[in-house]
Amino acid sequence: MPSTINILGYRVFAGTKEFFSGGVTGVVDTLNPHSYVMARKDTYFREALMAADWLIPDGVGIQYAARLLNGVTIEKIAGSDLHEALLSSLGKRGGSCFYLGSAGETLNMIKERIAREHPTVRVGMFSPPFREFFTEEENREMISSVNSFSSDVLFVGMTAPRQEKWVHENREKLNVPLICSVGAVFDFYAGTVQRSGSFWINIGLEWLPRLLREPRCLWRRNFISTPLFMGYVAAEKMKSRRQRAVSSK
């Protein structure tokens, strides 16, 4: 069983992405500074993240927190990294996956790319209405589409926190061994949005090229959420130091 560490009240996965290629089951969500800050104000989002079976560290901010608060170095696992690892595993065993979310055109581009790169993988897809809340009928149709395909992995890409909340609300109705909320991965894999190159990823600045390309979408994440998160981490570190000082007297 891989280890987990506590980061600001969340049980965060501390293993490698290869772990998820070995028949893991459950719900996988990602934690990054922005989702942490959002969840402080959105109690149902926090509940969804806390209920995930696996909460992977998506971002250098989580790595920083792990080093400062726990004294350990953990692997950053972006949603794209998880997605690629699972597709590779499915390809080797002739498995199947289902994509729920995004536009029909994006889903078709994903299916075409998988056909080229992982031809043994069977792919299902469904594009739900683009709105914050679904009607009961729409929800039933989404669940029915997923279950009737009978896949090994369900990828949900409806952006955070909507995707995590939807999975949390409906996980008992979904007959899929592994459910992954992966957000922007749909656009990255389809090629409709460019993921930062390996150079930026390796030096911990994957966010920078995206910020320059999409400032309206990402400025809040980088200039508000990240500094707030670092402040919470620093406050937690100071709290633990005071507690150790008191206990040592």
Protein backbone atom coordinates (compact mmCIF):
# COMPACT_ATOMS: atom_id res chain seq x y z
CA MET A 1 0.00 0.00 0.00
CA PRO A 2 1.60 3.34 -1.02
CA SER A 3 2.10 5.98 1.59
CA THR A 4 0.10 9.15 2.02
CA ILE A 5 0.97 12.33 3.88
CA ASN A 6 -1.14 14.95 5.59
CA ILE A 7 -1.07 18.34 3.95
CA LEU A 8 -3.28 20.95 5.61
CA GLY A 9 -5.84 18.32 6.55
CA TYR A 10 -5.83 16.41 3.25
CA ARG A 11 -4.50 12.88 2.84
CA VAL A 12 -2.26 13.26 -0.23
CA PHE A 13 -0.82 10.37 -2.26
CA ALA A 14 2.97 10.14 -1.90
CA GLY A 15 3.79 7.41 -4.42
CA THR A 16 4.46 7.37 -8.17
CA LYS A 17 2.05 7.51 -11.09
CA GLU A 18 2.97 3.93 -12.04
CA PHE A 19 0.98 2.77 -9.01
CA PHE A 20 -2.24 3.54 -10.87
CA SER A 21 -1.31 1.20 -13.72
CA GLY A 22 -1.71 -1.85 -11.54
CA GLY A 23 -5.46 -2.29 -11.34
CA VAL A 24 -6.19 0.35 -8.72
CA THR A 25 -9.86 1.03 -8.00
CA GLY A 26 -11.70 3.99 -6.49
CA VAL A 27 -11.91 7.72 -7.13
CA VAL A 28 -8.85 9.81 -8.01
CA ASP A 29 -8.95 13.58 -7.59
CA THR A 30 -6.16 16.13 -7.82
CA LEU A 31 -5.07 18.68 -5.23
CA ASN A 32 -3.30 21.88 -6.13
CA PRO A 33 -3.08 25.30 -4.44
CA HIS A 34 -6.08 26.64 -6.35
CA SER A 35 -8.36 23.72 -5.51
CA TYR A 36 -7.27 23.92 -1.87
CA VAL A 37 -8.20 27.60 -1.68
CA MET A 38 -11.53 27.01 -3.46
CA ALA A 39 -12.38 24.17 -1.08
CA ARG A 40 -11.90 26.44 1.95
CA LYS A 41 -14.95 28.40 0.75
CA ASP A 42 -16.89 25.53 -0.84
CA THR A 43 -17.71 22.93 1.81
CA TYR A 44 -19.17 20.39 -0.64
CA PHE A 45 -16.06 20.61 -2.80
CA ARG A 46 -13.97 20.00 0.31
CA GLU A 47 -16.16 17.02 1.19
CA ALA A 48 -15.66 15.60 -2.31
CA LEU A 49 -11.87 15.97 -2.12
CA MET A 50 -11.73 14.44 1.35
CA ALA A 51 -13.84 11.48 0.17
CA ALA A 52 -11.56 10.65 -2.78
CA ASP A 53 -9.73 7.34 -2.46
CA TRP A 54 -6.64 8.88 -3.99
CA LEU A 55 -5.73 12.58 -3.92
CA ILE A 56 -2.75 13.16 -6.16
CA PRO A 57 -0.36 16.12 -5.80
CA ASP A 58 -0.95 18.25 -8.89
CA GLY A 59 1.45 21.17 -8.68
CA VAL A 60 4.78 22.32 -7.32
CA GLY A 61 2.92 24.13 -4.54
CA ILE A 62 1.87 20.78 -3.09
CA GLN A 63 5.43 19.50 -3.42
CA TYR A 64 6.66 22.57 -1.56
CA ALA A 65 4.11 22.02 1.19
CA ALA A 66 5.16 18.37 1.53
CA ARG A 67 8.80 19.36 2.02
CA LEU A 68 8.10 22.20 4.44
CA LEU A 69 5.43 20.50 6.54
CA ASN A 70 6.47 16.84 6.32
CA GLY A 71 10.14 16.95 5.37
CA VAL A 72 9.59 14.64 2.39
CA THR A 73 9.93 14.95 -1.36
CA ILE A 74 6.96 13.66 -3.33
CA GLU A 75 6.41 13.22 -7.04
CA LYS A 76 4.23 15.78 -8.75
CA ILE A 77 1.50 13.92 -10.63
CA ALA A 78 -0.47 16.13 -12.98
CA GLY A 79 -3.75 14.91 -14.40
CA SER A 80 -2.01 14.51 -17.76
CA ASP A 81 0.62 12.25 -16.20
CA LEU A 82 -2.06 10.05 -14.65
CA HIS A 83 -3.98 9.95 -17.93
CA GLU A 84 -0.95 8.88 -19.95
CA ALA A 85 0.00 6.19 -17.42
CA LEU A 86 -3.50 4.74 -17.49
CA LEU A 87 -3.79 4.81 -21.29
CA SER A 88 -0.48 2.97 -21.56
CA SER A 89 -1.69 0.34 -19.08
CA LEU A 90 -5.03 -0.05 -20.85
CA GLY A 91 -3.23 -0.41 -24.17
CA LYS A 92 -1.10 -3.28 -22.88
CA ARG A 93 -4.09 -5.26 -21.65
CA GLY A 94 -6.66 -4.22 -24.26
CA GLY A 95 -8.77 -2.29 -21.77
CA SER A 96 -11.37 0.41 -22.16
CA CYS A 97 -12.01 3.95 -20.98
CA PHE A 98 -14.86 6.43 -21.10
CA TYR A 99 -14.63 10.21 -21.43
CA LEU A 100 -17.39 12.26 -19.81
CA GLY A 101 -17.23 15.98 -20.42
CA SER A 102 -16.06 18.60 -22.92
CA ALA A 103 -17.45 19.28 -26.41
CA GLY A 104 -18.23 16.60 -28.96
CA GLU A 105 -15.49 17.84 -31.29
CA THR A 106 -12.89 17.59 -28.53
CA LEU A 107 -14.01 14.07 -27.65
CA ASN A 108 -13.73 12.98 -31.28
CA MET A 109 -10.18 14.34 -31.41
CA ILE A 110 -9.34 12.35 -28.28
CA LYS A 111 -10.77 9.19 -29.79
CA GLU A 112 -8.82 9.69 -33.02
CA ARG A 113 -5.54 10.19 -31.15
CA ILE A 114 -6.10 7.10 -29.00
CA ALA A 115 -6.82 5.08 -32.14
CA ARG A 116 -3.37 6.09 -33.42
CA GLU A 117 -1.38 5.78 -30.20
CA HIS A 118 -3.25 3.03 -28.32
CA PRO A 119 -5.20 1.09 -30.96
CA THR A 120 -6.15 -1.74 -28.60
CA VAL A 121 -8.01 0.60 -26.21
CA ARG A 122 -11.79 0.71 -26.57
CA VAL A 123 -13.14 4.26 -26.12
CA GLY A 124 -16.56 5.57 -25.13
CA MET A 125 -17.61 9.18 -24.75
CA PHE A 126 -20.44 11.51 -23.81
CA SER A 127 -20.64 15.30 -24.02
CA PRO A 128 -22.98 16.66 -21.31
CA PRO A 129 -24.64 20.08 -21.48
CA PHE A 130 -22.29 22.91 -20.58
CA ARG A 131 -23.91 24.18 -17.40
CA GLU A 132 -23.24 24.17 -13.69
CA PHE A 133 -26.21 22.01 -12.73
CA PHE A 134 -27.83 19.15 -14.64
CA THR A 135 -31.47 18.18 -14.67
CA GLU A 136 -32.44 14.77 -13.29
CA GLU A 137 -33.04 13.52 -16.82
CA GLU A 138 -29.62 14.76 -18.01
CA ASN A 139 -27.96 13.18 -15.01
CA ARG A 140 -29.65 9.84 -15.68
CA GLU A 141 -28.54 9.97 -19.30
CA MET A 142 -24.93 10.65 -18.28
CA ILE A 143 -24.87 7.79 -15.79
CA SER A 144 -26.60 5.43 -18.21
CA SER A 145 -24.10 6.24 -20.97
CA VAL A 146 -21.18 5.51 -18.67
CA ASN A 147 -22.59 2.28 -17.27
CA SER A 148 -23.80 0.85 -20.57
CA PHE A 149 -20.29 1.13 -22.03
CA SER A 150 -18.80 -0.89 -19.16
CA SER A 151 -15.30 0.62 -19.11
CA ASP A 152 -12.25 0.02 -16.94
CA VAL A 153 -11.62 3.73 -16.34
CA LEU A 154 -13.87 6.78 -16.39
CA PHE A 155 -12.22 10.12 -17.11
CA VAL A 156 -14.35 13.09 -16.05
CA GLY A 157 -13.48 16.48 -17.53
CA MET A 158 -15.98 19.13 -16.48
CA THR A 159 -13.50 21.48 -14.71
CA ALA A 160 -13.06 21.80 -10.96
CA PRO A 161 -14.98 21.87 -8.72
CA ARG A 162 -17.95 20.71 -10.80
CA GLN A 163 -16.35 17.41 -11.85
CA GLU A 164 -15.32 16.41 -8.32
CA LYS A 165 -18.74 17.28 -6.94
CA TRP A 166 -20.52 15.33 -9.68
CA VAL A 167 -18.38 12.24 -9.08
CA HIS A 168 -18.87 12.47 -5.32
CA GLU A 169 -22.64 12.79 -5.73
CA ASN A 170 -22.95 9.92 -8.21
CA ARG A 171 -20.09 7.52 -7.46
CA GLU A 172 -22.39 4.86 -5.99
CA LYS A 173 -24.38 4.83 -9.23
CA LEU A 174 -21.36 4.50 -11.50
CA ASN A 175 -20.30 0.95 -12.35
CA VAL A 176 -16.67 1.75 -13.13
CA PRO A 177 -13.67 0.43 -11.16
CA LEU A 178 -11.60 3.62 -11.45
CA ILE A 179 -12.92 7.19 -11.78
CA CYS A 180 -10.52 10.08 -12.44
CA SER A 181 -11.41 13.77 -12.38
CA VAL A 182 -8.83 15.24 -14.75
CA GLY A 183 -10.22 18.58 -15.95
CA ALA A 184 -8.02 20.23 -18.58
CA VAL A 185 -6.52 16.90 -19.66
CA PHE A 186 -9.27 16.51 -22.25
CA ASP A 187 -8.14 19.68 -24.05
CA PHE A 188 -4.44 18.90 -23.62
CA TYR A 189 -4.77 15.43 -25.12
CA ALA A 190 -7.04 16.60 -27.92
CA GLY A 191 -4.60 19.39 -28.73
CA THR A 192 -7.16 22.19 -28.39
CA VAL A 193 -5.07 23.63 -25.53
CA GLN A 194 -1.30 23.31 -25.48
CA ARG A 195 0.31 21.87 -22.35
CA SER A 196 3.63 23.41 -21.35
CA GLY A 197 6.72 21.62 -22.64
CA SER A 198 8.97 19.31 -20.66
CA PHE A 199 11.51 22.10 -20.01
CA TRP A 200 8.97 24.15 -18.07
CA ILE A 201 7.58 21.07 -16.33
CA ASN A 202 11.04 19.93 -15.19
CA ILE A 203 11.97 23.30 -13.66
CA GLY A 204 8.65 23.61 -11.84
CA LEU A 205 7.22 26.39 -14.00
CA GLU A 206 4.63 24.49 -16.01
CA TRP A 207 2.10 27.17 -15.07
CA LEU A 208 4.05 30.08 -16.63
CA PRO A 209 3.58 29.46 -20.39
CA ARG A 210 -0.13 28.73 -19.80
CA LEU A 211 -0.50 31.93 -17.81
CA LEU A 212 1.04 33.91 -20.66
CA ARG A 213 -1.25 32.24 -23.20
CA GLU A 214 -4.43 32.34 -21.07
CA PRO A 215 -4.07 35.25 -18.62
CA ARG A 216 -7.82 35.81 -18.22
CA CYS A 217 -8.43 32.20 -17.23
CA LEU A 218 -5.40 31.68 -15.01
CA TRP A 219 -4.49 34.99 -13.35
CA ARG A 220 -6.63 34.32 -10.28
CA ARG A 221 -5.14 30.85 -9.86
CA ASN A 222 -1.56 32.13 -9.93
CA PHE A 223 -1.76 35.58 -8.35
CA ILE A 224 -4.43 34.99 -5.70
CA SER A 225 -4.78 31.28 -4.91
CA THR A 226 -1.09 30.40 -4.94
CA PRO A 227 0.02 33.21 -2.57
CA LEU A 228 -2.91 32.40 -0.26
CA PHE A 229 -1.95 28.73 -0.25
CA MET A 230 1.66 29.54 0.58
CA GLY A 231 0.42 31.72 3.43
CA TYR A 232 -1.62 28.83 4.83
CA VAL A 233 1.40 26.55 4.56
CA ALA A 234 3.63 29.06 6.36
CA ALA A 235 1.03 29.53 9.10
CA GLU A 236 0.78 25.75 9.59
CA LYS A 237 4.57 25.49 9.83
CA MET A 238 4.68 28.22 12.48
CA LYS A 239 1.88 26.51 14.41
CA SER A 240 3.72 23.19 14.46
CA ARG A 241 6.91 24.92 15.66
CA ARG A 242 5.04 26.58 18.52
CA GLN A 243 3.49 23.25 19.50
CA ARG A 244 6.89 21.54 19.53
CA ALA A 245 8.34 24.37 21.59
CA VAL A 246 5.54 24.07 24.16
CA SER A 247 5.80 20.27 24.36
CA SER A 248 9.56 20.42 24.86
CA LYS A 249 9.27 22.59 27.98
